[in-house]
């Protein structure tokens, strides 16, 4: 080995002698409540999930009305408001979600009522047309043609 490197190492050993005091101070700090040893500090994250306010978004009802009862596109508009309500709920805006959900509910009710009225009107119209066409050719009674 090179003599210069030995003197460098010897100097480093002499510099380590005061490290005894540093260790003693670390021990005093650990007694006072500082970090102990090489154990990593644990951190805890708490996420509060509020489940007490449930906002129904009526998306299934709106989809049903979009597919089956869609007079004046009310079912489609209700579906759009239901999606907006679900988006607001995911963001955490409960008041906005409730507003969009109530609008979607109102539109769904109107879509069902108007859809049922249209279906009922079609059924009545078919019955009236069918009976008048049958009775047109027969004056007295209803006769089936015989083969």
C-alpha atoms as a PDB file:
ATOM      1  CA  UNK A   1       0.000   0.000   0.000  1.00  0.00           C
ATOM      2  CA  UNK A   2       0.946   3.539  -0.501  1.00  0.00           C
ATOM      3  CA  UNK A   3       2.101   5.340   2.673  1.00  0.00           C
ATOM      4  CA  UNK A   4      -0.082   8.308   1.799  1.00  0.00           C
ATOM      5  CA  UNK A   5      -3.192   6.165   1.813  1.00  0.00           C
ATOM      6  CA  UNK A   6      -2.261   4.738   5.242  1.00  0.00           C
ATOM      7  CA  UNK A   7      -1.991   8.198   6.710  1.00  0.00           C
ATOM      8  CA  UNK A   8      -5.337   9.094   5.136  1.00  0.00           C
ATOM      9  CA  UNK A   9      -6.941   6.041   6.760  1.00  0.00           C
ATOM     10  CA  UNK A  10      -5.233   6.789  10.041  1.00  0.00           C
ATOM     11  CA  UNK A  11      -6.635  10.324   9.865  1.00  0.00           C
ATOM     12  CA  UNK A  12     -10.055   8.913   9.206  1.00  0.00           C
ATOM     13  CA  UNK A  13      -9.765   6.681  12.268  1.00  0.00           C
ATOM     14  CA  UNK A  14      -8.801   9.606  14.411  1.00  0.00           C
ATOM     15  CA  UNK A  15     -11.794  11.529  13.031  1.00  0.00           C
ATOM     16  CA  UNK A  16     -14.120   8.733  14.161  1.00  0.00           C
ATOM     17  CA  UNK A  17     -13.200   9.040  17.815  1.00  0.00           C
ATOM     18  CA  UNK A  18     -15.680  11.877  18.522  1.00  0.00           C
ATOM     19  CA  UNK A  19     -18.463   9.724  17.006  1.00  0.00           C
ATOM     20  CA  UNK A  20     -18.902   8.178  20.456  1.00  0.00           C
ATOM     21  CA  UNK A  21     -20.489  11.396  21.620  1.00  0.00           C
ATOM     22  CA  UNK A  22     -22.870  11.422  18.621  1.00  0.00           C
ATOM     23  CA  UNK A  23     -24.084   7.919  19.454  1.00  0.00           C
ATOM     24  CA  UNK A  24     -24.636   8.942  23.048  1.00  0.00           C
ATOM     25  CA  UNK A  25     -26.757  11.893  21.911  1.00  0.00           C
ATOM     26  CA  UNK A  26     -28.765   9.663  19.592  1.00  0.00           C
ATOM     27  CA  UNK A  27     -29.510   7.400  22.522  1.00  0.00           C
ATOM     28  CA  UNK A  28     -30.718  10.333  24.547  1.00  0.00           C
ATOM     29  CA  UNK A  29     -32.968  11.441  21.702  1.00  0.00           C
ATOM     30  CA  UNK A  30     -34.478   7.963  21.405  1.00  0.00           C
ATOM     31  CA  UNK A  31     -35.244   7.965  25.119  1.00  0.00           C
ATOM     32  CA  UNK A  32     -37.033  11.270  24.652  1.00  0.00           C
ATOM     33  CA  UNK A  33     -39.270   9.781  21.952  1.00  0.00           C
ATOM     34  CA  UNK A  34     -37.394  10.249  18.669  1.00  0.00           C
ATOM     35  CA  UNK A  35     -37.043   7.628  15.961  1.00  0.00           C
ATOM     36  CA  UNK A  36     -35.886   4.277  17.249  1.00  0.00           C
ATOM     37  CA  UNK A  37     -33.418   2.266  15.228  1.00  0.00           C
ATOM     38  CA  UNK A  38     -33.851   1.600  11.547  1.00  0.00           C
ATOM     39  CA  UNK A  39     -37.612   1.093  11.785  1.00  0.00           C
ATOM     40  CA  UNK A  40     -39.405   3.143   9.094  1.00  0.00           C
ATOM     41  CA  UNK A  41     -42.082   5.523  10.240  1.00  0.00           C
ATOM     42  CA  UNK A  42     -45.627   4.463   9.324  1.00  0.00           C
ATOM     43  CA  UNK A  43     -48.103   6.892   7.930  1.00  0.00           C
ATOM     44  CA  UNK A  44     -51.818   6.288   7.910  1.00  0.00           C
ATOM     45  CA  UNK A  45     -54.236   7.660   5.332  1.00  0.00           C
ATOM     46  CA  UNK A  46     -57.898   7.882   6.259  1.00  0.00           C
ATOM     47  CA  UNK A  47     -60.509   8.207   3.528  1.00  0.00           C
ATOM     48  CA  UNK A  48     -63.978   9.206   4.675  1.00  0.00           C
ATOM     49  CA  UNK A  49     -66.704   7.744   2.469  1.00  0.00           C
ATOM     50  CA  UNK A  50     -70.091   9.290   3.098  1.00  0.00           C
ATOM     51  CA  UNK A  51     -72.790   6.704   2.511  1.00  0.00           C
ATOM     52  CA  UNK A  52     -75.592   8.473   4.360  1.00  0.00           C
ATOM     53  CA  UNK A  53     -76.712  10.538   1.339  1.00  0.00           C
ATOM     54  CA  UNK A  54     -77.787   8.217  -1.450  1.00  0.00           C
ATOM     55  CA  UNK A  55     -78.930   9.993  -4.585  1.00  0.00           C
ATOM     56  CA  UNK A  56     -80.858   7.767  -7.014  1.00  0.00           C
ATOM     57  CA  UNK A  57     -79.981   8.684 -10.578  1.00  0.00           C
ATOM     58  CA  UNK A  58     -82.859   6.744 -12.269  1.00  0.00           C
ATOM     59  CA  UNK A  59     -80.579   5.656 -15.118  1.00  0.00           C
ATOM     60  CA  UNK A  60     -82.213   2.243 -15.632  1.00  0.00           C
ATOM     61  CA  UNK A  61     -85.688   3.768 -15.741  1.00  0.00           C
ATOM     62  CA  UNK A  62     -84.452   6.402 -18.186  1.00  0.00           C
ATOM     63  CA  UNK A  63     -82.863   3.771 -20.410  1.00  0.00           C
ATOM     64  CA  UNK A  64     -86.110   1.782 -20.408  1.00  0.00           C
ATOM     65  CA  UNK A  65     -88.074   4.903 -21.357  1.00  0.00           C
ATOM     66  CA  UNK A  66     -85.545   5.738 -24.060  1.00  0.00           C
ATOM     67  CA  UNK A  67     -85.977   2.317 -25.644  1.00  0.00           C
ATOM     68  CA  UNK A  68     -89.732   1.746 -25.198  1.00  0.00           C
ATOM     69  CA  UNK A  69     -91.606   4.924 -24.155  1.00  0.00           C
ATOM     70  CA  UNK A  70     -90.028   7.821 -25.969  1.00  0.00           C
ATOM     71  CA  UNK A  71     -92.771  10.305 -26.910  1.00  0.00           C
ATOM     72  CA  UNK A  72     -91.333  13.683 -27.853  1.00  0.00           C
ATOM     73  CA  UNK A  73     -87.868  12.300 -26.960  1.00  0.00           C
ATOM     74  CA  UNK A  74     -88.666  12.614 -23.238  1.00  0.00           C
ATOM     75  CA  UNK A  75     -86.995   9.276 -22.500  1.00  0.00           C
ATOM     76  CA  UNK A  76     -83.788  10.383 -24.185  1.00  0.00           C
ATOM     77  CA  UNK A  77     -83.745  13.712 -22.349  1.00  0.00           C
ATOM     78  CA  UNK A  78     -84.394  11.884 -19.055  1.00  0.00           C
ATOM     79  CA  UNK A  79     -81.471   9.564 -19.856  1.00  0.00           C
ATOM     80  CA  UNK A  80     -79.220  12.596 -20.434  1.00  0.00           C
ATOM     81  CA  UNK A  81     -80.231  14.082 -17.070  1.00  0.00           C
ATOM     82  CA  UNK A  82     -79.642  10.711 -15.377  1.00  0.00           C
ATOM     83  CA  UNK A  83     -76.112  10.567 -16.760  1.00  0.00           C
ATOM     84  CA  UNK A  84     -75.511  14.143 -15.585  1.00  0.00           C
ATOM     85  CA  UNK A  85     -76.792  13.159 -12.141  1.00  0.00           C
ATOM     86  CA  UNK A  86     -74.420  10.191 -12.009  1.00  0.00           C
ATOM     87  CA  UNK A  87     -71.499  12.417 -13.056  1.00  0.00           C
ATOM     88  CA  UNK A  88     -72.298  14.954 -10.332  1.00  0.00           C
ATOM     89  CA  UNK A  89     -72.536  12.134  -7.780  1.00  0.00           C
ATOM     90  CA  UNK A  90     -69.109  10.783  -8.780  1.00  0.00           C
ATOM     91  CA  UNK A  91     -67.574  14.238  -8.444  1.00  0.00           C
ATOM     92  CA  UNK A  92     -69.102  14.647  -4.989  1.00  0.00           C
ATOM     93  CA  UNK A  93     -71.630  17.370  -5.794  1.00  0.00           C
ATOM     94  CA  UNK A  94     -74.636  15.959  -3.942  1.00  0.00           C
ATOM     95  CA  UNK A  95     -76.891  18.988  -4.455  1.00  0.00           C
ATOM     96  CA  UNK A  96     -76.261  19.049  -8.204  1.00  0.00           C
ATOM     97  CA  UNK A  97     -76.837  15.287  -8.396  1.00  0.00           C
ATOM     98  CA  UNK A  98     -80.163  15.643  -6.566  1.00  0.00           C
ATOM     99  CA  UNK A  99     -81.246  18.432  -8.913  1.00  0.00           C
ATOM    100  CA  UNK A 100     -80.471  16.437 -12.064  1.00  0.00           C
ATOM    101  CA  UNK A 101     -82.028  13.289 -10.558  1.00  0.00           C
ATOM    102  CA  UNK A 102     -85.294  15.050  -9.726  1.00  0.00           C
ATOM    103  CA  UNK A 103     -85.470  16.441 -13.271  1.00  0.00           C
ATOM    104  CA  UNK A 104     -84.821  12.955 -14.683  1.00  0.00           C
ATOM    105  CA  UNK A 105     -87.538  11.506 -12.434  1.00  0.00           C
ATOM    106  CA  UNK A 106     -90.077  14.093 -13.586  1.00  0.00           C
ATOM    107  CA  UNK A 107     -89.211  13.493 -17.242  1.00  0.00           C
ATOM    108  CA  UNK A 108     -89.463   9.725 -16.723  1.00  0.00           C
ATOM    109  CA  UNK A 109     -92.922  10.070 -15.176  1.00  0.00           C
ATOM    110  CA  UNK A 110     -94.107  12.186 -18.103  1.00  0.00           C
ATOM    111  CA  UNK A 111     -92.558   9.763 -20.604  1.00  0.00           C
ATOM    112  CA  UNK A 112     -94.375   6.794 -19.024  1.00  0.00           C
ATOM    113  CA  UNK A 113     -97.716   8.620 -18.813  1.00  0.00           C
ATOM    114  CA  UNK A 114     -97.564   9.903 -22.387  1.00  0.00           C
ATOM    115  CA  UNK A 115     -96.239   6.565 -23.655  1.00  0.00           C
ATOM    116  CA  UNK A 116     -99.085   4.653 -22.012  1.00  0.00           C
ATOM    117  CA  UNK A 117    -101.616   7.147 -23.377  1.00  0.00           C
ATOM    118  CA  UNK A 118    -100.208   6.673 -26.884  1.00  0.00           C
ATOM    119  CA  UNK A 119    -100.329   2.869 -26.536  1.00  0.00           C
ATOM    120  CA  UNK A 120    -103.882   3.049 -25.199  1.00  0.00           C
ATOM    121  CA  UNK A 121    -104.929   5.386 -28.034  1.00  0.00           C
ATOM    122  CA  UNK A 122    -103.453   3.022 -30.627  1.00  0.00           C
ATOM    123  CA  UNK A 123    -105.270   0.041 -29.106  1.00  0.00           C
ATOM    124  CA  UNK A 124    -108.580   1.939 -29.070  1.00  0.00           C
ATOM    125  CA  UNK A 125    -108.035   3.117 -32.658  1.00  0.00           C
ATOM    126  CA  UNK A 126    -107.305  -0.427 -33.866  1.00  0.00           C
ATOM    127  CA  UNK A 127    -110.412  -1.779 -32.149  1.00  0.00           C
ATOM    128  CA  UNK A 128    -112.618   0.988 -33.582  1.00  0.00           C
ATOM    129  CA  UNK A 129    -111.266   0.572 -37.117  1.00  0.00           C
ATOM    130  CA  UNK A 130    -111.554  -3.211 -36.955  1.00  0.00           C
ATOM    131  CA  UNK A 131    -115.139  -3.216 -35.693  1.00  0.00           C
ATOM    132  CA  UNK A 132    -116.313  -0.569 -38.161  1.00  0.00           C
ATOM    133  CA  UNK A 133    -114.779  -2.405 -41.084  1.00  0.00           C
ATOM    134  CA  UNK A 134    -116.448  -5.643 -40.044  1.00  0.00           C
ATOM    135  CA  UNK A 135    -119.831  -4.050 -39.478  1.00  0.00           C
ATOM    136  CA  UNK A 136    -119.772  -2.091 -42.709  1.00  0.00           C
ATOM    137  CA  UNK A 137    -120.696  -5.031 -44.888  1.00  0.00           C
ATOM    138  CA  UNK A 138    -123.172  -6.590 -42.466  1.00  0.00           C
ATOM    139  CA  UNK A 139    -126.273  -4.740 -41.370  1.00  0.00           C
ATOM    140  CA  UNK A 140    -127.927  -7.004 -38.866  1.00  0.00           C
ATOM    141  CA  UNK A 141    -125.516  -9.421 -37.285  1.00  0.00           C
ATOM    142  CA  UNK A 142    -122.034 -10.714 -37.510  1.00  0.00           C
ATOM    143  CA  UNK A 143    -121.629 -13.766 -39.827  1.00  0.00           C
ATOM    144  CA  UNK A 144    -118.464 -15.641 -40.531  1.00  0.00           C
ATOM    145  CA  UNK A 145    -118.010 -16.847 -44.067  1.00  0.00           C
ATOM    146  CA  UNK A 146    -118.237 -20.624 -44.323  1.00  0.00           C
ATOM    147  CA  UNK A 147    -116.023 -22.679 -46.549  1.00  0.00           C
END
